[in-house]
Amino acid sequence: MNYLIVMMRNFFTIYNRGEYGLWLSGTLFKNHHLEIFGIEIVNQKTGEYIPLKRNLIHTSINGFKTSRMLLYTFQAEEGTYIISFTSTEKL
């Protein structure tokens, strides 16, 4: 049996309708195990899940020690949203 663990939940507000991106920031040349995590975005008012589009060509910005990588993009209306980082585990 699988169950979903919500590892972190946070709120954010979008003031202008449009396309947005989710970026990962971290240390250069360090392995980040992204495949074990899921990300969900839900409109707080309506409960609607926002579809995330995986960015196949990872746009990145690098500094000397850190980097950022675009993981997902999504379309959203004005409103408050809940972002959850999850992991699926087997019993």
PDB file of N, CA and C in Angstrom:
ATOM      1  N   MET A   1       0.847  -1.173   0.000  1.00  0.00           N
ATOM      2  CA  MET A   1       0.000   0.000   0.000  1.00  0.00           C
ATOM      3  C   MET A   1       0.896   1.243   0.000  1.00  0.00           C
ATOM      4  N   ASN A   2       0.536   2.230  -0.797  1.00  0.00           N
ATOM      5  CA  ASN A   2       1.261   3.504  -0.831  1.00  0.00           C
ATOM      6  C   ASN A   2       0.541   4.515   0.042  1.00  0.00           C
ATOM      7  N   TYR A   3       1.299   5.405   0.639  1.00  0.00           N
ATOM      8  CA  TYR A   3       0.691   6.536   1.328  1.00  0.00           C
ATOM      9  C   TYR A   3       1.528   7.769   1.066  1.00  0.00           C
ATOM     10  N   LEU A   4       0.897   8.904   1.165  1.00  0.00           N
ATOM     11  CA  LEU A   4       1.517  10.179   0.829  1.00  0.00           C
ATOM     12  C   LEU A   4       1.944  10.891   2.096  1.00  0.00           C
ATOM     13  N   ILE A   5       3.181  11.294   2.148  1.00  0.00           N
ATOM     14  CA  ILE A   5       3.700  12.057   3.281  1.00  0.00           C
ATOM     15  C   ILE A   5       3.866  13.502   2.823  1.00  0.00           C
ATOM     16  N   VAL A   6       3.219  14.434   3.514  1.00  0.00           N
ATOM     17  CA  VAL A   6       3.414  15.848   3.218  1.00  0.00           C
ATOM     18  C   VAL A   6       4.589  16.309   4.063  1.00  0.00           C
ATOM     19  N   MET A   7       5.689  16.642   3.394  1.00  0.00           N
ATOM     20  CA  MET A   7       6.920  16.979   4.092  1.00  0.00           C
ATOM     21  C   MET A   7       6.984  18.461   4.471  1.00  0.00           C
ATOM     22  N   MET A   8       6.418  19.289   3.650  1.00  0.00           N
ATOM     23  CA  MET A   8       6.422  20.719   3.931  1.00  0.00           C
ATOM     24  C   MET A   8       5.259  21.348   3.186  1.00  0.00           C
ATOM     25  N   ARG A   9       4.598  22.283   3.812  1.00  0.00           N
ATOM     26  CA  ARG A   9       3.472  22.983   3.190  1.00  0.00           C
ATOM     27  C   ARG A   9       3.661  24.475   3.474  1.00  0.00           C
ATOM     28  N   ASN A  10       3.430  25.280   2.461  1.00  0.00           N
ATOM     29  CA  ASN A  10       3.579  26.715   2.615  1.00  0.00           C
ATOM     30  C   ASN A  10       2.540  27.424   1.750  1.00  0.00           C
ATOM     31  N   PHE A  11       2.324  28.679   2.021  1.00  0.00           N
ATOM     32  CA  PHE A  11       1.351  29.492   1.294  1.00  0.00           C
ATOM     33  C   PHE A  11       2.080  30.579   0.520  1.00  0.00           C
ATOM     34  N   PHE A  12       1.523  30.935  -0.634  1.00  0.00           N
ATOM     35  CA  PHE A  12       2.034  32.080  -1.379  1.00  0.00           C
ATOM     36  C   PHE A  12       0.874  32.730  -2.120  1.00  0.00           C
ATOM     37  N   THR A  13       1.041  33.995  -2.458  1.00  0.00           N
ATOM     38  CA  THR A  13      -0.014  34.768  -3.121  1.00  0.00           C
ATOM     39  C   THR A  13       0.472  35.229  -4.485  1.00  0.00           C
ATOM     40  N   ILE A  14      -0.390  35.084  -5.483  1.00  0.00           N
ATOM     41  CA  ILE A  14      -0.127  35.585  -6.823  1.00  0.00           C
ATOM     42  C   ILE A  14      -1.021  36.789  -7.032  1.00  0.00           C
ATOM     43  N   TYR A  15      -0.408  37.898  -7.394  1.00  0.00           N
ATOM     44  CA  TYR A  15      -1.145  39.149  -7.546  1.00  0.00           C
ATOM     45  C   TYR A  15      -1.534  39.439  -8.988  1.00  0.00           C
ATOM     46  N   ASN A  16      -0.854  38.810  -9.942  1.00  0.00           N
ATOM     47  CA  ASN A  16      -1.162  39.014 -11.361  1.00  0.00           C
ATOM     48  C   ASN A  16      -1.259  37.670 -12.061  1.00  0.00           C
ATOM     49  N   ARG A  17      -2.343  37.457 -12.779  1.00  0.00           N
ATOM     50  CA  ARG A  17      -2.540  36.232 -13.547  1.00  0.00           C
ATOM     51  C   ARG A  17      -1.404  36.067 -14.551  1.00  0.00           C
ATOM     52  N   GLY A  18      -0.918  34.822 -14.728  1.00  0.00           N
ATOM     53  CA  GLY A  18       0.142  34.615 -15.702  1.00  0.00           C
ATOM     54  C   GLY A  18       0.831  33.281 -15.553  1.00  0.00           C
ATOM     55  N   GLU A  19       1.979  33.159 -16.226  1.00  0.00           N
ATOM     56  CA  GLU A  19       2.779  31.943 -16.165  1.00  0.00           C
ATOM     57  C   GLU A  19       3.914  32.148 -15.178  1.00  0.00           C
ATOM     58  N   TYR A  20       4.133  31.149 -14.327  1.00  0.00           N
ATOM     59  CA  TYR A  20       5.146  31.230 -13.282  1.00  0.00           C
ATOM     60  C   TYR A  20       6.025  29.993 -13.334  1.00  0.00           C
ATOM     61  N   GLY A  21       7.185  30.053 -12.688  1.00  0.00           N
ATOM     62  CA  GLY A  21       8.111  28.932 -12.671  1.00  0.00           C
ATOM     63  C   GLY A  21       8.510  28.561 -11.255  1.00  0.00           C
ATOM     64  N   LEU A  22       8.798  27.274 -11.061  1.00  0.00           N
ATOM     65  CA  LEU A  22       9.349  26.774  -9.804  1.00  0.00           C
ATOM     66  C   LEU A  22      10.822  26.460 -10.045  1.00  0.00           C
ATOM     67  N   TRP A  23      11.682  27.118  -9.277  1.00  0.00           N
ATOM     68  CA  TRP A  23      13.123  26.988  -9.431  1.00  0.00           C
ATOM     69  C   TRP A  23      13.708  26.258  -8.233  1.00  0.00           C
ATOM     70  N   LEU A  24      14.734  25.457  -8.462  1.00  0.00           N
ATOM     71  CA  LEU A  24      15.491  24.810  -7.394  1.00  0.00           C
ATOM     72  C   LEU A  24      16.803  25.558  -7.251  1.00  0.00           C
ATOM     73  N   SER A  25      17.108  25.990  -6.037  1.00  0.00           N
ATOM     74  CA  SER A  25      18.388  26.622  -5.744  1.00  0.00           C
ATOM     75  C   SER A  25      19.218  25.670  -4.911  1.00  0.00           C
ATOM     76  N   GLY A  26      20.511  25.617  -5.176  1.00  0.00           N
ATOM     77  CA  GLY A  26      21.359  24.726  -4.397  1.00  0.00           C
ATOM     78  C   GLY A  26      22.825  24.925  -4.707  1.00  0.00           C
ATOM     79  N   THR A  27      23.625  24.065  -4.111  1.00  0.00           N
ATOM     80  CA  THR A  27      25.071  24.091  -4.283  1.00  0.00           C
ATOM     81  C   THR A  27      25.432  23.426  -5.611  1.00  0.00           C
ATOM     82  N   LEU A  28      26.366  24.028  -6.320  1.00  0.00           N
ATOM     83  CA  LEU A  28      26.823  23.462  -7.588  1.00  0.00           C
ATOM     84  C   LEU A  28      27.455  22.090  -7.374  1.00  0.00           C
ATOM     85  N   PHE A  29      27.268  21.200  -8.317  1.00  0.00           N
ATOM     86  CA  PHE A  29      27.885  19.875  -8.349  1.00  0.00           C
ATOM     87  C   PHE A  29      27.493  18.982  -7.180  1.00  0.00           C
ATOM     88  N   LYS A  30      26.370  19.281  -6.534  1.00  0.00           N
ATOM     89  CA  LYS A  30      25.874  18.430  -5.458  1.00  0.00           C
ATOM     90  C   LYS A  30      24.636  17.711  -5.977  1.00  0.00           C
ATOM     91  N   ASN A  31      24.519  16.418  -5.697  1.00  0.00           N
ATOM     92  CA  ASN A  31      23.402  15.621  -6.191  1.00  0.00           C
ATOM     93  C   ASN A  31      22.147  15.917  -5.370  1.00  0.00           C
ATOM     94  N   HIS A  32      21.079  16.329  -6.033  1.00  0.00           N
ATOM     95  CA  HIS A  32      19.789  16.569  -5.388  1.00  0.00           C
ATOM     96  C   HIS A  32      18.832  15.480  -5.858  1.00  0.00           C
ATOM     97  N   HIS A  33      18.268  14.731  -4.954  1.00  0.00           N
ATOM     98  CA  HIS A  33      17.408  13.607  -5.291  1.00  0.00           C
ATOM     99  C   HIS A  33      15.969  14.078  -5.517  1.00  0.00           C
ATOM    100  N   LEU A  34      15.743  14.728  -6.646  1.00  0.00           N
ATOM    101  CA  LEU A  34      14.432  15.299  -6.945  1.00  0.00           C
ATOM    102  C   LEU A  34      13.389  14.249  -7.267  1.00  0.00           C
ATOM    103  N   GLU A  35      13.826  13.088  -7.745  1.00  0.00           N
ATOM    104  CA  GLU A  35      12.867  12.071  -8.163  1.00  0.00           C
ATOM    105  C   GLU A  35      12.069  11.487  -7.005  1.00  0.00           C
ATOM    106  N   ILE A  36      12.515  11.660  -5.762  1.00  0.00           N
ATOM    107  CA  ILE A  36      11.774  11.099  -4.626  1.00  0.00           C
ATOM    108  C   ILE A  36      10.752  12.080  -4.057  1.00  0.00           C
ATOM    109  N   PHE A  37      10.728  13.295  -4.570  1.00  0.00           N
ATOM    110  CA  PHE A  37       9.807  14.300  -4.065  1.00  0.00           C
ATOM    111  C   PHE A  37       8.750  14.640  -5.105  1.00  0.00           C
ATOM    112  N   GLY A  38       7.563  14.982  -4.629  1.00  0.00           N
ATOM    113  CA  GLY A  38       6.511  15.489  -5.489  1.00  0.00           C
ATOM    114  C   GLY A  38       6.177  16.908  -5.059  1.00  0.00           C
ATOM    115  N   ILE A  39       5.660  17.674  -5.958  1.00  0.00           N
ATOM    116  CA  ILE A  39       5.249  19.041  -5.661  1.00  0.00           C
ATOM    117  C   ILE A  39       3.810  19.199  -6.112  1.00  0.00           C
ATOM    118  N   GLU A  40       2.986  19.743  -5.236  1.00  0.00           N
ATOM    119  CA  GLU A  40       1.585  20.023  -5.568  1.00  0.00           C
ATOM    120  C   GLU A  40       1.282  21.472  -5.242  1.00  0.00           C
ATOM    121  N   ILE A  41       0.502  22.106  -6.118  1.00  0.00           N
ATOM    122  CA  ILE A  41       0.029  23.471  -5.866  1.00  0.00           C
ATOM    123  C   ILE A  41      -1.487  23.440  -5.942  1.00  0.00           C
ATOM    124  N   VAL A  42      -2.136  23.996  -4.915  1.00  0.00           N
ATOM    125  CA  VAL A  42      -3.591  23.989  -4.814  1.00  0.00           C
ATOM    126  C   VAL A  42      -4.074  25.407  -4.550  1.00  0.00           C
ATOM    127  N   ASN A  43      -5.112  25.829  -5.277  1.00  0.00           N
ATOM    128  CA  ASN A  43      -5.741  27.118  -4.995  1.00  0.00           C
ATOM    129  C   ASN A  43      -6.459  27.001  -3.654  1.00  0.00           C
ATOM    130  N   GLN A  44      -6.097  27.844  -2.702  1.00  0.00           N
ATOM    131  CA  GLN A  44      -6.646  27.741  -1.350  1.00  0.00           C
ATOM    132  C   GLN A  44      -8.158  27.946  -1.324  1.00  0.00           C
ATOM    133  N   LYS A  45      -8.661  28.848  -2.145  1.00  0.00           N
ATOM    134  CA  LYS A  45     -10.086  29.182  -2.132  1.00  0.00           C
ATOM    135  C   LYS A  45     -10.940  28.101  -2.796  1.00  0.00           C
ATOM    136  N   THR A  46     -10.486  27.596  -3.950  1.00  0.00           N
ATOM    137  CA  THR A  46     -11.306  26.658  -4.724  1.00  0.00           C
ATOM    138  C   THR A  46     -10.940  25.190  -4.490  1.00  0.00           C
ATOM    139  N   GLY A  47      -9.748  24.927  -3.986  1.00  0.00           N
ATOM    140  CA  GLY A  47      -9.290  23.553  -3.812  1.00  0.00           C
ATOM    141  C   GLY A  47      -8.799  22.916  -5.109  1.00  0.00           C
ATOM    142  N   GLU A  48      -8.742  23.700  -6.184  1.00  0.00           N
ATOM    143  CA  GLU A  48      -8.329  23.203  -7.495  1.00  0.00           C
ATOM    144  C   GLU A  48      -6.810  22.978  -7.530  1.00  0.00           C
ATOM    145  N   TYR A  49      -6.395  21.795  -8.012  1.00  0.00           N
ATOM    146  CA  TYR A  49      -4.977  21.503  -8.217  1.00  0.00           C
ATOM    147  C   TYR A  49      -4.503  22.186  -9.483  1.00  0.00           C
ATOM    148  N   ILE A  50      -3.352  22.809  -9.419  1.00  0.00           N
ATOM    149  CA  ILE A  50      -2.785  23.507 -10.566  1.00  0.00           C
ATOM    150  C   ILE A  50      -1.841  22.541 -11.289  1.00  0.00           C
ATOM    151  N   PRO A  51      -2.068  22.284 -12.586  1.00  0.00           N
ATOM    152  CA  PRO A  51      -1.173  21.378 -13.314  1.00  0.00           C
ATOM    153  C   PRO A  51       0.211  22.006 -13.485  1.00  0.00           C
ATOM    154  N   LEU A  52       1.223  21.211 -13.190  1.00  0.00           N
ATOM    155  CA  LEU A  52       2.612  21.640 -13.356  1.00  0.00           C
ATOM    156  C   LEU A  52       3.162  21.011 -14.625  1.00  0.00           C
ATOM    157  N   LYS A  53       3.847  21.824 -15.424  1.00  0.00           N
ATOM    158  CA  LYS A  53       4.488  21.324 -16.639  1.00  0.00           C
ATOM    159  C   LYS A  53       5.975  21.177 -16.354  1.00  0.00           C
ATOM    160  N   ARG A  54       6.477  19.939 -16.494  1.00  0.00           N
ATOM    161  CA  ARG A  54       7.910  19.697 -16.260  1.00  0.00           C
ATOM    162  C   ARG A  54       8.705  20.372 -17.371  1.00  0.00           C
ATOM    163  N   ASN A  55       9.739  21.068 -16.983  1.00  0.00           N
ATOM    164  CA  ASN A  55      10.596  21.733 -17.941  1.00  0.00           C
ATOM    165  C   ASN A  55      11.653  20.737 -18.418  1.00  0.00           C
ATOM    166  N   LEU A  56      11.540  20.263 -19.656  1.00  0.00           N
ATOM    167  CA  LEU A  56      12.442  19.235 -20.171  1.00  0.00           C
ATOM    168  C   LEU A  56      13.855  19.760 -20.398  1.00  0.00           C
ATOM    169  N   ILE A  57      13.957  20.993 -20.831  1.00  0.00           N
ATOM    170  CA  ILE A  57      15.270  21.617 -20.999  1.00  0.00           C
ATOM    171  C   ILE A  57      15.467  22.518 -19.786  1.00  0.00           C
ATOM    172  N   HIS A  58      16.264  22.038 -18.833  1.00  0.00           N
ATOM    173  CA  HIS A  58      16.425  22.759 -17.571  1.00  0.00           C
ATOM    174  C   HIS A  58      17.211  24.046 -17.775  1.00  0.00           C
ATOM    175  N   THR A  59      16.482  25.166 -17.750  1.00  0.00           N
ATOM    176  CA  THR A  59      17.125  26.465 -17.781  1.00  0.00           C
ATOM    177  C   THR A  59      17.844  26.635 -16.459  1.00  0.00           C
ATOM    178  N   SER A  60      19.091  27.077 -16.497  1.00  0.00           N
ATOM    179  CA  SER A  60      19.818  27.221 -15.236  1.00  0.00           C
ATOM    180  C   SER A  60      20.613  28.513 -15.208  1.00  0.00           C
ATOM    181  N   ILE A  61      20.865  28.961 -13.989  1.00  0.00           N
ATOM    182  CA  ILE A  61      21.676  30.147 -13.740  1.00  0.00           C
ATOM    183  C   ILE A  61      22.721  29.726 -12.721  1.00  0.00           C
ATOM    184  N   ASN A  62      23.986  29.895 -13.051  1.00  0.00           N
ATOM    185  CA  ASN A  62      25.051  29.457 -12.164  1.00  0.00           C
ATOM    186  C   ASN A  62      25.878  30.626 -11.664  1.00  0.00           C
ATOM    187  N   GLY A  63      26.260  30.535 -10.401  1.00  0.00           N
ATOM    188  CA  GLY A  63      27.226  31.455  -9.813  1.00  0.00           C
ATOM    189  C   GLY A  63      28.503  30.672  -9.562  1.00  0.00           C
ATOM    190  N   PHE A  64      29.354  31.165  -8.655  1.00  0.00           N
ATOM    191  CA  PHE A  64      30.597  30.453  -8.361  1.00  0.00           C
ATOM    192  C   PHE A  64      30.349  29.227  -7.488  1.00  0.00           C
ATOM    193  N   LYS A  65      29.417  29.302  -6.530  1.00  0.00           N
ATOM    194  CA  LYS A  65      29.171  28.191  -5.613  1.00  0.00           C
ATOM    195  C   LYS A  65      27.749  27.658  -5.663  1.00  0.00           C
ATOM    196  N   THR A  66      26.834  28.438  -6.182  1.00  0.00           N
ATOM    197  CA  THR A  66      25.432  28.032  -6.180  1.00  0.00           C
ATOM    198  C   THR A  66      24.845  28.111  -7.590  1.00  0.00           C
ATOM    199  N   SER A  67      23.703  27.463  -7.749  1.00  0.00           N
ATOM    200  CA  SER A  67      23.022  27.508  -9.042  1.00  0.00           C
ATOM    201  C   SER A  67      21.524  27.445  -8.822  1.00  0.00           C
ATOM    202  N   ARG A  68      20.768  27.805  -9.863  1.00  0.00           N
ATOM    203  CA  ARG A  68      19.308  27.671  -9.873  1.00  0.00           C
ATOM    204  C   ARG A  68      18.924  26.957 -11.144  1.00  0.00           C
ATOM    205  N   MET A  69      17.872  26.122 -11.041  1.00  0.00           N
ATOM    206  CA  MET A  69      17.417  25.362 -12.191  1.00  0.00           C
ATOM    207  C   MET A  69      15.890  25.413 -12.237  1.00  0.00           C
ATOM    208  N   LEU A  70      15.337  25.736 -13.401  1.00  0.00           N
ATOM    209  CA  LEU A  70      13.891  25.778 -13.588  1.00  0.00           C
ATOM    210  C   LEU A  70      13.362  24.354 -13.718  1.00  0.00           C
ATOM    211  N   LEU A  71      12.467  23.950 -12.789  1.00  0.00           N
ATOM    212  CA  LEU A  71      11.928  22.594 -12.787  1.00  0.00           C
ATOM    213  C   LEU A  71      10.561  22.510 -13.452  1.00  0.00           C
ATOM    214  N   TYR A  72       9.667  23.422 -13.098  1.00  0.00           N
ATOM    215  CA  TYR A  72       8.281  23.388 -13.584  1.00  0.00           C
ATOM    216  C   TYR A  72       7.818  24.793 -13.926  1.00  0.00           C
ATOM    217  N   THR A  73       6.823  24.856 -14.814  1.00  0.00           N
ATOM    218  CA  THR A  73       6.092  26.092 -15.062  1.00  0.00           C
ATOM    219  C   THR A  73       4.614  25.799 -14.859  1.00  0.00           C
ATOM    220  N   PHE A  74       3.842  26.848 -14.578  1.00  0.00           N
ATOM    221  CA  PHE A  74       2.399  26.675 -14.389  1.00  0.00           C
ATOM    222  C   PHE A  74       1.691  27.993 -14.647  1.00  0.00           C
ATOM    223  N   GLN A  75       0.418  27.899 -15.030  1.00  0.00           N
ATOM    224  CA  GLN A  75      -0.457  29.052 -15.240  1.00  0.00           C
ATOM    225  C   GLN A  75      -1.308  29.230 -13.988  1.00  0.00           C
ATOM    226  N   ALA A  76      -1.472  30.474 -13.537  1.00  0.00           N
ATOM    227  CA  ALA A  76      -2.285  30.694 -12.342  1.00  0.00           C
ATOM    228  C   ALA A  76      -2.993  32.036 -12.404  1.00  0.00           C
ATOM    229  N   GLU A  77      -4.170  32.044 -11.816  1.00  0.00           N
ATOM    230  CA  GLU A  77      -4.956  33.267 -11.650  1.00  0.00           C
ATOM    231  C   GLU A  77      -4.501  33.953 -10.356  1.00  0.00           C
ATOM    232  N   GLU A  78      -4.993  35.178 -10.149  1.00  0.00           N
ATOM    233  CA  GLU A  78      -4.735  35.853  -8.876  1.00  0.00           C
ATOM    234  C   GLU A  78      -5.320  35.027  -7.741  1.00  0.00           C
ATOM    235  N   GLY A  79      -4.636  34.998  -6.608  1.00  0.00           N
ATOM    236  CA  GLY A  79      -5.166  34.264  -5.462  1.00  0.00           C
ATOM    237  C   GLY A  79      -4.072  33.735  -4.561  1.00  0.00           C
ATOM    238  N   THR A  80      -4.495  33.058  -3.504  1.00  0.00           N
ATOM    239  CA  THR A  80      -3.573  32.449  -2.552  1.00  0.00           C
ATOM    240  C   THR A  80      -3.524  30.954  -2.821  1.00  0.00           C
ATOM    241  N   TYR A  81      -2.324  30.413  -2.792  1.00  0.00           N
ATOM    242  CA  TYR A  81      -2.093  29.016  -3.142  1.00  0.00           C
ATOM    243  C   TYR A  81      -1.327  28.309  -2.026  1.00  0.00           C
ATOM    244  N   ILE A  82      -1.498  27.000  -1.981  1.00  0.00           N
ATOM    245  CA  ILE A  82      -0.761  26.156  -1.047  1.00  0.00           C
ATOM    246  C   ILE A  82       0.188  25.302  -1.880  1.00  0.00           C
ATOM    247  N   ILE A  83       1.477  25.350  -1.546  1.00  0.00           N
ATOM    248  CA  ILE A  83       2.448  24.490  -2.209  1.00  0.00           C
ATOM    249  C   ILE A  83       2.878  23.433  -1.197  1.00  0.00           C
ATOM    250  N   SER A  84       2.851  22.175  -1.629  1.00  0.00           N
ATOM    251  CA  SER A  84       3.217  21.058  -0.754  1.00  0.00           C
ATOM    252  C   SER A  84       4.320  20.248  -1.412  1.00  0.00           C
ATOM    253  N   PHE A  85       5.312  19.886  -0.624  1.00  0.00           N
ATOM    254  CA  PHE A  85       6.375  18.988  -1.051  1.00  0.00           C
ATOM    255  C   PHE A  85       6.066  17.640  -0.414  1.00  0.00           C
ATOM    256  N   THR A  86       5.929  16.614  -1.236  1.00  0.00           N
ATOM    257  CA  THR A  86       5.448  15.328  -0.765  1.00  0.00           C
ATOM    258  C   THR A  86       6.395  14.197  -1.139  1.00  0.00           C
ATOM    259  N   SER A  87       6.209  13.074  -0.508  1.00  0.00           N
ATOM    260  CA  SER A  87       6.939  11.859  -0.825  1.00  0.00           C
ATOM    261  C   SER A  87       5.968  10.695  -0.719  1.00  0.00           C
ATOM    262  N   THR A  88       6.014   9.772  -1.666  1.00  0.00           N
ATOM    263  CA  THR A  88       5.163   8.594  -1.612  1.00  0.00           C
ATOM    264  C   THR A  88       5.993   7.438  -1.063  1.00  0.00           C
ATOM    265  N   GLU A  89       5.473   6.804  -0.019  1.00  0.00           N
ATOM    266  CA  GLU A  89       6.164   5.696   0.643  1.00  0.00           C
ATOM    267  C   GLU A  89       5.327   4.441   0.536  1.00  0.00           C
ATOM    268  N   LYS A  90       5.967   3.299   0.595  1.00  0.00           N
ATOM    269  CA  LYS A  90       5.258   2.006   0.623  1.00  0.00           C
ATOM    270  C   LYS A  90       5.235   1.475   2.021  1.00  0.00           C
ATOM    271  N   LEU A  91       4.068   0.891   2.405  1.00  0.00           N
ATOM    272  CA  LEU A  91       3.948   0.247   3.718  1.00  0.00           C
ATOM    273  C   LEU A  91       4.457  -1.172   3.640  1.00  0.00           C
TER     274      LEU A  91
END
